[in-house]
Amino acid sequence: MDDQVAAAPRSRRAGGREAKRAARSGRAVASVPYITRKIPYFEVLDEEGLATIERNADIILEEIGIEFRDDPEALEIWKAAGAEVTGERVRMPRGMCRQLIQANAPREFIQHARNPERNVVIGGKNTVFVPAYGSPFIRNLDDGRRYATIEDFRNFVKLAYLAPSLHHSGGTICEPVDLPVNKRHFDMVYSHVKYSDKPFMGSVTAPERAEDTIEIVKRLFGDDFTDAATGKPKTALISLINANSPMTFDATMLGAAKVYARANQACIVTPFILSGAMSPVTVAGTAAQTLAESMAGMAFIQLVNPGAPVVLGSFASSISMQSGAPTFGTPEPALVLYVMAALARRLGVPFRSGGGLCGSKIADAQAAFEAANTLLPTSLAGVNFVLHTAGWLEGGLSMGYEKFIMDVDQAGMMHTLLAGVDMSENGQAMDAIREVGPGKHFLGCAHTQANFETAFYRSPIADNNSFEQWDIEGRQDLAQRANTRWKKLLAEYEAPPLDPAIDESICDYINRRKASFPDSNI
């Protein structure tokens, strides 16, 4: 469904004009499964600088090492590959991780959706926008801040499905705390399956929950789960494997990574870093540590299953040196992002980072400018998988309904930016210049009439009317308009069709698994 639908009527006086504007906006939006950029990458380091950071990452891996905690199998895998294992510390010979990754990991891969038209290509010049992830709270103008429920989770899956500027359904969009911890993954994965036909992420909070996710996807895809050309499972899931920075992987993440890798499902290996607390305070130091940690995780996955898709992830933010609180939208994390994007391209793997990050508690000016200051570098740097594109508030603790709508709008603008300059005959517009000539205007010329519907990005929530019109229509700010919009979208939502037999098979599996063990909040 098109995201550019009519806003709720504000007054009788505005009705006719609003209806026409909404109809034009609806026609103007083209839904694409992912973005293929047509502008150059923005670089902040030269060859010497990038090579220095790569060299420092190799020193970290060889001399300091990475800890793989509480997973004896992981240590045995490393030992068999030739790494030095001392206790839980693994030191890799210089170049070992890079060689494993470059010899085996794909430069780009397809993540398959249940609707093949929604498949995304992750890597190369492609960008995939994904909702925010992991918030225990939600916020909207009606309820304020409260714990998230499964109904909120379903709402955000539906809103992501309805947004043409988002290409992915995401993962744990918010934590449904009204469900038991050990069973809520069933309801979350099922919500992605039922209420959207875009690709989605798997559960990583325990190895058995990763296995449940794969079993559900097998039932969703049926015979089509196996690629006839390769005999391997298709990559239908992508999952977030966080390093426990600094320089540590824990058993939970390693267990999920092994499950997904062995099933040929994609893993995003992301050091979660707040610079100054979990890495050095400098951009170059943080980048070297990020590269070392992510290469260790990706190399481990290649040892588990050579050729399994991996994504180099970077989540690096700064902290306030006064309070210790994380800060977002500041220049230093943007510089880390630019550097890590270039390093991922040099390594030859897809890259994940960025989004609409902010520290603000509400959908206000701080939220807007911090999110924009993250999303623009994300787009310019060439991030392939943009987790946290929409909804992020309060440093990730809250998922905002109004913020989600605002971020979706910003993501739509990035579509236009990344499309670059139209240099076709129509784009050059010489016919228009000849027709109008000196001293006249272009409003009525043939070229403008032919192109006005698609000439410029049209925000569905920004108000560009006169003061008088804004006054008549209720003096609403952006958050209030976004509030109206998400309610309208949910009211008009229609689920994509799902084969009843597939639905029944998935529900049967979930019900049997839920009944096989008691509820727990551990």
Protein backbone atom coordinates (compact mmCIF):
# COMPACT_ATOMS: atom_id res chain seq x y z
CA MET A 1 0.00 0.00 0.00
CA ASP A 2 1.29 3.44 -0.85
CA ASP A 3 2.59 5.52 2.06
CA GLN A 4 1.59 8.74 0.37
CA VAL A 5 -2.13 8.59 1.18
CA ALA A 6 -4.35 11.53 1.96
CA ALA A 7 -4.00 13.20 5.32
CA ALA A 8 -7.15 13.40 7.42
CA PRO A 9 -9.36 16.32 6.29
CA ARG A 10 -8.77 19.34 8.52
CA SER A 11 -11.54 21.62 7.40
CA ARG A 12 -14.26 21.89 4.81
CA ARG A 13 -12.41 24.77 3.19
CA ALA A 14 -9.27 22.67 2.63
CA GLY A 15 -11.06 19.52 1.44
CA GLY A 16 -10.95 19.91 -2.33
CA ARG A 17 -7.37 21.06 -2.46
CA GLU A 18 -6.24 18.41 0.02
CA ALA A 19 -7.94 15.66 -2.00
CA LYS A 20 -6.22 16.76 -5.18
CA ARG A 21 -2.87 17.05 -3.45
CA ALA A 22 -3.25 13.60 -1.92
CA ALA A 23 -4.15 12.06 -5.27
CA ARG A 24 -1.09 13.63 -6.88
CA SER A 25 1.15 12.46 -4.05
CA GLY A 26 -0.18 8.93 -4.33
CA ARG A 27 0.73 8.80 -8.00
CA ALA A 28 4.12 10.36 -7.39
CA VAL A 29 5.55 7.65 -5.13
CA ALA A 30 7.22 4.64 -6.72
CA SER A 31 7.71 1.71 -4.36
CA VAL A 32 11.04 -0.05 -4.90
CA PRO A 33 12.32 -3.15 -3.06
CA TYR A 34 15.64 -1.42 -2.25
CA ILE A 35 17.72 1.55 -3.36
CA THR A 36 20.56 1.30 -5.86
CA ARG A 37 22.64 4.44 -5.37
CA LYS A 38 23.63 6.60 -8.34
CA ILE A 39 25.85 9.08 -6.52
CA PRO A 40 29.48 8.64 -5.39
CA TYR A 41 30.49 7.59 -1.88
CA PHE A 42 31.64 10.29 0.50
CA GLU A 43 35.13 9.46 1.82
CA VAL A 44 36.94 11.01 4.79
CA LEU A 45 40.22 9.04 4.77
CA ASP A 46 42.78 8.40 2.06
CA GLU A 47 44.54 5.12 1.30
CA GLU A 48 47.20 5.69 3.94
CA GLY A 49 44.65 6.36 6.67
CA LEU A 50 42.52 3.33 5.85
CA ALA A 51 45.57 1.07 5.62
CA THR A 52 46.73 2.29 9.04
CA ILE A 53 43.40 1.36 10.64
CA GLU A 54 43.49 -2.07 8.95
CA ARG A 55 47.01 -2.59 10.28
CA ASN A 56 45.93 -1.60 13.79
CA ALA A 57 42.98 -4.01 13.62
CA ASP A 58 45.38 -6.82 12.68
CA ILE A 59 47.53 -5.94 15.68
CA ILE A 60 44.48 -6.17 17.97
CA LEU A 61 43.59 -9.60 16.58
CA GLU A 62 47.15 -10.96 16.70
CA GLU A 63 48.55 -9.46 19.90
CA ILE A 64 45.58 -8.65 22.16
CA GLY A 65 43.01 -11.15 20.90
CA ILE A 66 39.27 -11.58 21.22
CA GLU A 67 37.50 -13.50 24.00
CA PHE A 68 34.92 -16.13 23.03
CA ARG A 69 33.23 -16.76 26.37
CA ASP A 70 31.35 -19.83 27.64
CA ASP A 71 31.45 -21.64 24.29
CA PRO A 72 33.97 -24.52 24.22
CA GLU A 73 32.92 -25.46 20.68
CA ALA A 74 33.89 -22.00 19.41
CA LEU A 75 37.32 -22.33 21.00
CA GLU A 76 37.82 -25.74 19.39
CA ILE A 77 36.81 -24.34 16.00
CA TRP A 78 39.42 -21.59 16.32
CA LYS A 79 42.09 -23.97 17.56
CA ALA A 80 41.49 -26.34 14.64
CA ALA A 81 41.84 -23.40 12.24
CA GLY A 82 45.28 -22.51 13.59
CA ALA A 83 44.53 -19.70 16.02
CA GLU A 84 46.26 -19.44 19.39
CA VAL A 85 43.76 -20.21 22.15
CA THR A 86 44.64 -19.37 25.75
CA GLY A 87 41.73 -19.94 28.09
CA GLU A 88 38.90 -18.09 26.35
CA ARG A 89 41.22 -15.65 24.57
CA VAL A 90 41.74 -16.25 20.86
CA ARG A 91 44.65 -14.65 19.00
CA MET A 92 44.54 -14.91 15.22
CA PRO A 93 47.66 -14.89 13.04
CA ARG A 94 48.06 -11.71 11.03
CA GLY A 95 45.77 -11.73 8.00
CA MET A 96 43.93 -14.90 9.03
CA CYS A 97 40.50 -13.28 9.52
CA ARG A 98 40.74 -11.20 6.37
CA GLN A 99 41.73 -14.26 4.32
CA LEU A 100 38.83 -16.35 5.68
CA ILE A 101 36.33 -13.59 4.92
CA GLN A 102 37.59 -12.68 1.46
CA ALA A 103 37.93 -16.30 0.37
CA ASN A 104 34.42 -17.30 1.42
CA ALA A 105 31.93 -14.55 2.30
CA PRO A 106 29.78 -13.16 -0.56
CA ARG A 107 30.22 -9.50 -1.52
CA GLU A 108 26.46 -9.23 -1.82
CA PHE A 109 23.51 -11.58 -1.40
CA ILE A 110 19.75 -11.77 -1.77
CA GLN A 111 17.55 -11.92 1.28
CA HIS A 112 14.38 -13.60 0.10
CA ALA A 113 10.94 -12.40 1.17
CA ARG A 114 7.73 -14.43 1.01
CA ASN A 115 6.73 -12.05 -1.76
CA PRO A 116 9.58 -12.36 -4.31
CA GLU A 117 8.93 -8.79 -5.45
CA ARG A 118 10.12 -7.70 -1.99
CA ASN A 119 13.46 -9.54 -2.14
CA VAL A 120 16.36 -7.28 -1.19
CA VAL A 121 19.94 -7.36 -2.45
CA ILE A 122 22.26 -6.57 0.45
CA GLY A 123 25.69 -5.24 -0.51
CA GLY A 124 27.23 -3.48 -3.48
CA LYS A 125 25.64 -0.11 -4.26
CA ASN A 126 22.36 -1.08 -2.63
CA THR A 127 20.72 0.42 0.46
CA VAL A 128 17.99 -1.27 2.49
CA PHE A 129 16.09 0.81 5.07
CA VAL A 130 14.95 -1.12 8.16
CA PRO A 131 12.89 -0.09 11.23
CA ALA A 132 14.47 0.48 14.65
CA TYR A 133 15.12 -2.51 16.89
CA GLY A 134 14.99 -3.59 20.51
CA SER A 135 13.08 -0.91 22.46
CA PRO A 136 11.28 -2.03 25.64
CA PHE A 137 9.11 1.11 25.66
CA ILE A 138 6.89 2.88 23.15
CA ARG A 139 5.91 6.53 23.07
CA ASN A 140 3.07 8.36 21.40
CA LEU A 141 1.12 11.55 22.01
CA ASP A 142 -1.86 9.61 23.38
CA ASP A 143 -0.20 7.36 25.96
CA GLY A 144 3.11 9.02 26.61
CA ARG A 145 5.84 6.51 27.50
CA ARG A 146 4.81 2.98 28.48
CA TYR A 147 6.00 -0.58 28.12
CA ALA A 148 5.50 -2.06 24.66
CA THR A 149 2.99 -4.84 24.01
CA ILE A 150 2.52 -7.36 21.23
CA GLU A 151 -0.19 -5.08 19.84
CA ASP A 152 2.40 -2.32 19.48
CA PHE A 153 4.72 -4.78 17.78
CA ARG A 154 2.01 -5.68 15.26
CA ASN A 155 1.25 -2.00 14.69
CA PHE A 156 4.85 -1.23 13.79
CA VAL A 157 5.08 -4.25 11.48
CA LYS A 158 1.99 -2.92 9.71
CA LEU A 159 3.36 0.62 9.51
CA ALA A 160 6.66 -0.68 8.09
CA TYR A 161 4.72 -2.72 5.54
CA LEU A 162 2.79 0.38 4.50
CA ALA A 163 5.89 2.56 4.09
CA PRO A 164 7.41 2.44 0.58
CA SER A 165 10.60 4.09 1.84
CA LEU A 166 11.24 1.12 4.16
CA HIS A 167 12.31 -2.06 2.42
CA HIS A 168 12.32 -4.46 5.35
CA SER A 169 10.07 -5.50 8.22
CA GLY A 170 12.91 -5.48 10.76
CA GLY A 171 13.29 -7.70 13.78
CA THR A 172 12.51 -6.93 17.42
CA ILE A 173 10.90 -3.61 16.55
CA CYS A 174 9.89 -3.31 20.19
CA GLU A 175 9.91 -5.79 23.07
CA PRO A 176 6.38 -7.10 23.79
CA VAL A 177 6.80 -7.23 27.54
CA ASP A 178 3.26 -8.51 28.03
CA LEU A 179 4.46 -11.92 26.78
CA PRO A 180 6.83 -14.39 28.51
CA VAL A 181 10.48 -13.78 27.64
CA ASN A 182 11.06 -17.37 26.56
CA LYS A 183 8.06 -17.45 24.19
CA ARG A 184 7.61 -13.95 22.84
CA HIS A 185 9.88 -14.70 19.86
CA PHE A 186 7.14 -16.92 18.43
CA ASP A 187 4.65 -14.04 18.37
CA MET A 188 7.18 -11.57 17.02
CA VAL A 189 8.29 -13.78 14.13
CA TYR A 190 4.69 -14.72 13.37
CA SER A 191 3.74 -11.02 13.25
CA HIS A 192 6.37 -10.43 10.56
CA VAL A 193 5.07 -13.42 8.63
CA LYS A 194 1.38 -12.57 8.98
CA TYR A 195 1.21 -8.80 8.68
CA SER A 196 3.90 -8.09 6.09
CA ASP A 197 5.40 -9.69 3.01
CA LYS A 198 8.73 -7.86 3.32
CA PRO A 199 11.86 -9.69 4.51
CA PHE A 200 12.52 -9.79 8.25
CA MET A 201 15.09 -10.60 10.94
CA GLY A 202 15.47 -13.65 13.16
CA SER A 203 15.51 -14.07 16.93
CA VAL A 204 18.97 -14.17 18.54
CA THR A 205 18.26 -14.24 22.29
CA ALA A 206 18.96 -17.99 22.54
CA PRO A 207 20.11 -20.68 20.09
CA GLU A 208 16.82 -22.55 20.39
CA ARG A 209 14.92 -19.36 19.50
CA ALA A 210 17.06 -19.04 16.38
CA GLU A 211 16.16 -22.66 15.56
CA ASP A 212 12.46 -21.86 16.04
CA THR A 213 12.78 -18.93 13.65
CA ILE A 214 14.32 -21.17 10.99
CA GLU A 215 11.60 -23.79 11.44
CA ILE A 216 8.91 -21.14 10.94
CA VAL A 217 10.62 -19.86 7.80
CA LYS A 218 10.90 -23.40 6.43
CA ARG A 219 7.14 -23.71 6.72
CA LEU A 220 6.63 -20.26 5.21
CA PHE A 221 8.71 -21.06 2.11
CA GLY A 222 7.95 -24.78 1.83
CA ASP A 223 9.72 -26.48 -1.07
CA ASP A 224 11.01 -23.10 -2.21
CA PHE A 225 13.24 -22.82 0.88
CA THR A 226 15.97 -24.82 -0.88
CA ASP A 227 17.75 -23.20 -3.80
CA ALA A 228 17.50 -25.65 -6.69
CA ALA A 229 20.70 -24.31 -8.26
CA THR A 230 22.93 -24.72 -5.20
CA GLY A 231 21.11 -27.25 -3.05
CA LYS A 232 21.55 -24.88 -0.09
CA PRO A 233 18.82 -23.15 1.90
CA LYS A 234 17.91 -19.75 0.53
CA THR A 235 18.88 -16.84 2.73
CA ALA A 236 15.47 -15.80 4.06
CA LEU A 237 16.64 -14.39 7.39
CA ILE A 238 19.19 -11.84 8.54
CA SER A 239 20.02 -11.56 12.22
CA LEU A 240 21.91 -9.23 14.51
CA ILE A 241 24.93 -10.72 16.29
CA ASN A 242 26.38 -8.14 18.67
CA ALA A 243 29.91 -8.26 20.00
CA ASN A 244 30.01 -7.60 23.72
CA SER A 245 32.56 -4.84 23.32
CA PRO A 246 35.34 -4.44 24.13
CA MET A 247 36.75 -7.46 22.29
CA THR A 248 34.35 -10.11 23.59
CA PHE A 249 31.67 -12.42 22.19
CA ASP A 250 29.31 -14.16 24.62
CA ALA A 251 27.69 -17.57 24.43
CA THR A 252 24.23 -16.25 23.55
CA MET A 253 25.41 -14.44 20.43
CA LEU A 254 27.79 -17.23 19.43
CA GLY A 255 25.05 -19.82 19.79
CA ALA A 256 22.63 -17.90 17.58
CA ALA A 257 25.38 -17.18 15.05
CA LYS A 258 26.20 -20.88 14.71
CA VAL A 259 22.55 -21.82 14.20
CA TYR A 260 22.02 -19.24 11.47
CA ALA A 261 25.38 -19.83 9.78
CA ARG A 262 24.81 -23.58 9.53
CA ALA A 263 21.43 -22.91 7.92
CA ASN A 264 22.98 -20.46 5.40
CA GLN A 265 21.16 -17.51 6.93
CA ALA A 266 22.82 -14.09 7.14
CA CYS A 267 24.45 -12.64 10.24
CA ILE A 268 25.22 -8.98 10.90
CA VAL A 269 28.26 -8.94 13.18
CA THR A 270 28.12 -5.62 15.04
CA PRO A 271 30.29 -4.34 17.85
CA PHE A 272 27.98 -2.22 20.03
CA ILE A 273 30.24 0.63 21.05
CA LEU A 274 29.81 3.79 23.07
CA SER A 275 33.13 5.51 22.47
CA GLY A 276 34.87 6.45 25.68
CA ALA A 277 33.28 3.56 27.56
CA MET A 278 33.63 0.51 25.28
CA SER A 279 36.31 1.85 22.93
CA PRO A 280 38.86 4.68 22.89
CA VAL A 281 37.54 8.22 22.65
CA THR A 282 39.10 8.74 19.21
CA VAL A 283 37.60 8.01 15.79
CA ALA A 284 40.63 6.06 14.55
CA GLY A 285 40.86 3.96 17.72
CA THR A 286 37.17 3.15 17.67
CA ALA A 287 37.33 2.22 13.98
CA ALA A 288 40.30 -0.13 14.50
CA GLN A 289 38.57 -1.90 17.40
CA THR A 290 35.29 -2.13 15.48
CA LEU A 291 37.04 -3.64 12.47
CA ALA A 292 38.91 -6.17 14.62
CA GLU A 293 35.81 -7.30 16.50
CA SER A 294 33.63 -7.56 13.41
CA MET A 295 36.30 -9.41 11.40
CA ALA A 296 36.71 -11.92 14.24
CA GLY A 297 32.97 -12.62 14.24
CA MET A 298 32.67 -12.84 10.47
CA ALA A 299 35.74 -15.10 10.20
CA PHE A 300 34.27 -17.37 12.89
CA ILE A 301 31.07 -17.68 10.87
CA GLN A 302 33.10 -18.66 7.79
CA LEU A 303 34.78 -21.38 9.87
CA VAL A 304 31.35 -22.65 10.91
CA ASN A 305 30.00 -22.63 7.33
CA PRO A 306 32.18 -21.29 4.51
CA GLY A 307 30.12 -19.04 2.26
CA ALA A 308 27.45 -18.14 4.81
CA PRO A 309 26.39 -14.50 4.23
CA VAL A 310 27.79 -11.96 6.68
CA VAL A 311 27.50 -8.20 7.08
CA LEU A 312 30.10 -6.02 8.76
CA GLY A 313 28.23 -4.00 11.35
CA SER A 314 29.19 -0.82 13.14
CA PHE A 315 27.21 0.83 15.91
CA ALA A 316 29.45 3.49 17.38
CA SER A 317 28.15 6.44 19.33
CA SER A 318 29.81 8.87 21.68
CA ILE A 319 29.03 9.49 25.33
CA SER A 320 28.78 12.63 27.37
CA MET A 321 32.01 12.99 29.30
CA GLN A 322 29.99 14.83 31.96
CA SER A 323 27.12 12.38 32.54
CA GLY A 324 28.16 9.18 30.77
CA ALA A 325 24.93 9.17 28.78
CA PRO A 326 25.09 8.19 25.08
CA THR A 327 24.84 11.01 22.56
CA PHE A 328 23.65 10.85 18.97
CA GLY A 329 23.76 12.96 15.84
CA THR A 330 27.22 14.29 16.70
CA PRO A 331 30.15 14.56 14.26
CA GLU A 332 32.44 11.87 15.67
CA PRO A 333 30.09 8.88 15.15
CA ALA A 334 29.47 10.15 11.60
CA LEU A 335 33.21 10.07 10.97
CA VAL A 336 33.39 6.50 12.33
CA LEU A 337 30.52 5.58 10.00
CA TYR A 338 32.27 7.01 6.92
CA VAL A 339 35.51 5.21 7.81
CA MET A 340 33.83 1.86 8.50
CA ALA A 341 31.86 2.01 5.24
CA ALA A 342 35.12 2.42 3.31
CA LEU A 343 36.76 -0.42 5.28
CA ALA A 344 33.84 -2.75 4.53
CA ARG A 345 34.15 -2.01 0.82
CA ARG A 346 37.87 -2.76 0.98
CA LEU A 347 37.18 -6.01 2.83
CA GLY A 348 34.53 -6.96 0.28
CA VAL A 349 31.46 -7.47 2.49
CA PRO A 350 28.16 -5.61 2.94
CA PHE A 351 27.99 -2.93 5.63
CA ARG A 352 25.41 -2.16 8.31
CA SER A 353 25.26 1.07 10.34
CA GLY A 354 23.40 4.33 10.76
CA GLY A 355 19.70 5.06 10.94
CA GLY A 356 17.57 7.77 12.51
CA LEU A 357 19.30 7.81 15.89
CA CYS A 358 18.64 10.38 18.60
CA GLY A 359 18.83 10.85 22.33
CA SER A 360 15.66 12.90 22.61
CA LYS A 361 12.82 11.52 24.73
CA ILE A 362 10.08 12.86 22.46
CA ALA A 363 9.54 13.59 18.77
CA ASP A 364 10.84 17.15 18.96
CA ALA A 365 13.42 19.31 17.22
CA GLN A 366 16.30 17.49 18.93
CA ALA A 367 14.96 14.16 17.70
CA ALA A 368 14.63 15.53 14.19
CA PHE A 369 18.07 17.11 13.83
CA GLU A 370 19.94 14.27 15.54
CA ALA A 371 18.18 11.71 13.35
CA ALA A 372 18.87 13.74 10.21
CA ASN A 373 22.51 14.12 11.26
CA THR A 374 22.74 10.33 11.37
CA LEU A 375 20.66 9.41 8.34
CA LEU A 376 22.42 11.77 5.93
CA PRO A 377 25.92 10.38 6.64
CA THR A 378 24.39 6.91 6.46
CA SER A 379 23.21 7.60 2.92
CA LEU A 380 26.33 9.43 1.76
CA ALA A 381 28.67 6.77 3.15
CA GLY A 382 26.98 3.90 1.33
CA VAL A 383 25.52 1.83 4.18
CA ASN A 384 23.88 -1.29 2.76
CA PHE A 385 21.66 -2.37 5.66
CA VAL A 386 20.31 0.57 7.67
CA LEU A 387 18.96 -0.77 10.93
CA HIS A 388 17.17 1.79 13.15
CA THR A 389 15.96 3.87 10.20
CA ALA A 390 12.60 4.67 11.75
CA GLY A 391 11.16 5.06 15.24
CA TRP A 392 14.25 5.36 17.45
CA LEU A 393 13.89 7.58 20.53
CA GLU A 394 15.66 7.96 23.87
CA GLY A 395 18.89 6.26 22.79
CA GLY A 396 16.92 3.22 21.66
CA LEU A 397 14.90 2.73 24.84
CA SER A 398 11.66 3.88 23.20
CA MET A 399 10.00 3.25 19.86
CA GLY A 400 8.03 6.34 18.89
CA TYR A 401 4.89 6.22 16.78
CA GLU A 402 5.17 9.83 15.68
CA LYS A 403 8.96 9.56 15.34
CA PHE A 404 8.45 6.51 13.09
CA ILE A 405 6.32 8.54 10.70
CA MET A 406 8.79 11.42 10.73
CA ASP A 407 11.70 9.07 10.01
CA VAL A 408 9.86 7.32 7.19
CA ASP A 409 9.48 10.74 5.59
CA GLN A 410 13.22 11.39 5.92
CA ALA A 411 13.97 7.98 4.41
CA GLY A 412 11.81 8.92 1.44
CA MET A 413 13.97 11.99 0.93
CA MET A 414 17.08 9.80 0.91
CA HIS A 415 15.56 7.79 -1.96
CA THR A 416 15.54 10.97 -4.01
CA LEU A 417 19.03 12.03 -2.95
CA LEU A 418 20.57 8.64 -3.77
CA ALA A 419 18.89 8.59 -7.19
CA GLY A 420 21.25 11.39 -8.17
CA VAL A 421 20.84 13.81 -11.06
CA ASP A 422 18.60 12.90 -14.01
CA MET A 423 20.74 13.53 -17.09
CA SER A 424 18.22 12.19 -19.58
CA GLU A 425 16.82 14.47 -22.27
CA ASN A 426 13.86 15.14 -20.02
CA GLY A 427 16.17 15.85 -17.08
CA GLN A 428 18.21 18.38 -19.06
CA ALA A 429 14.96 20.27 -19.79
CA MET A 430 16.29 22.17 -22.81
CA ASP A 431 12.84 22.11 -24.46
CA ALA A 432 11.44 23.97 -21.44
CA ILE A 433 14.18 26.59 -21.55
CA ARG A 434 13.62 27.12 -25.28
CA GLU A 435 9.85 27.35 -24.83
CA VAL A 436 9.88 29.88 -22.00
CA GLY A 437 12.78 32.11 -22.96
CA PRO A 438 13.85 35.25 -21.08
CA GLY A 439 11.67 37.11 -18.59
CA LYS A 440 8.78 34.59 -18.33
CA HIS A 441 7.98 31.76 -15.93
CA PHE A 442 7.99 27.99 -16.24
CA LEU A 443 4.74 27.24 -14.41
CA GLY A 444 2.63 26.76 -17.51
CA CYS A 445 5.12 25.33 -19.96
CA ALA A 446 4.68 21.85 -21.40
CA HIS A 447 7.69 20.37 -19.57
CA THR A 448 6.44 21.55 -16.16
CA GLN A 449 2.93 20.25 -16.86
CA ALA A 450 4.35 16.87 -17.86
CA ASN A 451 6.63 16.57 -14.82
CA PHE A 452 5.04 18.49 -11.95
CA GLU A 453 3.57 15.41 -10.25
CA THR A 454 6.97 13.76 -9.81
CA ALA A 455 9.34 16.74 -10.02
CA PHE A 456 10.04 17.12 -6.30
CA TYR A 457 9.85 14.98 -3.20
CA ARG A 458 6.53 15.61 -1.45
CA SER A 459 6.38 15.13 2.28
CA PRO A 460 3.08 13.69 3.52
CA ILE A 461 3.46 15.41 6.92
CA ALA A 462 5.31 18.72 6.39
CA ASP A 463 3.15 21.86 6.33
CA ASN A 464 4.14 24.35 3.65
CA ASN A 465 0.90 26.28 3.54
CA SER A 466 0.44 29.93 4.51
CA PHE A 467 0.16 30.95 8.13
CA GLU A 468 -3.56 31.60 7.63
CA GLN A 469 -4.19 28.13 6.25
CA TRP A 470 -2.12 26.51 9.03
CA ASP A 471 -4.13 28.53 11.55
CA ILE A 472 -7.47 27.41 10.07
CA GLU A 473 -6.34 23.78 10.06
CA GLY A 474 -5.68 23.68 13.78
CA ARG A 475 -2.12 25.01 14.28
CA GLN A 476 -0.73 21.48 14.42
CA ASP A 477 2.98 20.84 14.84
CA LEU A 478 4.78 18.02 13.04
CA ALA A 479 4.28 15.49 15.84
CA GLN A 480 0.53 16.13 15.85
CA ARG A 481 0.33 15.66 12.10
CA ALA A 482 2.37 12.45 12.40
CA ASN A 483 -0.02 11.24 15.11
CA THR A 484 -2.96 11.73 12.75
CA ARG A 485 -1.11 9.92 10.01
CA TRP A 486 -0.11 6.72 11.82
CA LYS A 487 -3.67 6.30 13.06
CA LYS A 488 -5.02 6.76 9.55
CA LEU A 489 -2.53 4.27 8.11
CA LEU A 490 -3.42 1.62 10.69
CA ALA A 491 -7.14 2.20 10.15
CA GLU A 492 -6.72 1.61 6.41
CA TYR A 493 -4.26 -1.30 6.71
CA GLU A 494 -5.00 -4.47 4.75
CA ALA A 495 -2.85 -7.56 5.32
CA PRO A 496 -1.01 -9.10 2.37
CA PRO A 497 -2.51 -12.46 1.42
CA LEU A 498 -1.02 -15.54 3.10
CA ASP A 499 -1.85 -19.10 2.02
CA PRO A 500 -4.20 -20.47 4.73
CA ALA A 501 -2.47 -23.85 4.68
CA ILE A 502 0.91 -22.20 5.32
CA ASP A 503 -0.60 -20.07 8.06
CA GLU A 504 -2.12 -23.15 9.68
CA SER A 505 1.16 -25.07 9.51
CA ILE A 506 3.09 -22.23 11.16
CA CYS A 507 0.47 -21.74 13.88
CA ASP A 508 0.44 -25.47 14.58
CA TYR A 509 4.21 -25.50 15.02
CA ILE A 510 4.12 -22.44 17.30
CA ASN A 511 1.30 -23.83 19.45
CA ARG A 512 3.04 -27.20 19.87
CA ARG A 513 6.33 -25.56 20.78
CA LYS A 514 4.69 -23.18 23.26
CA ALA A 515 2.92 -26.07 24.95
CA SER A 516 6.13 -28.09 25.28
CA PHE A 517 7.73 -25.93 28.01
CA PRO A 518 6.50 -23.62 30.77
CA ASP A 519 6.41 -19.85 30.58
CA SER A 520 9.43 -18.03 31.96
CA ASN A 521 10.66 -14.46 32.15
CA ILE A 522 14.31 -15.50 32.17
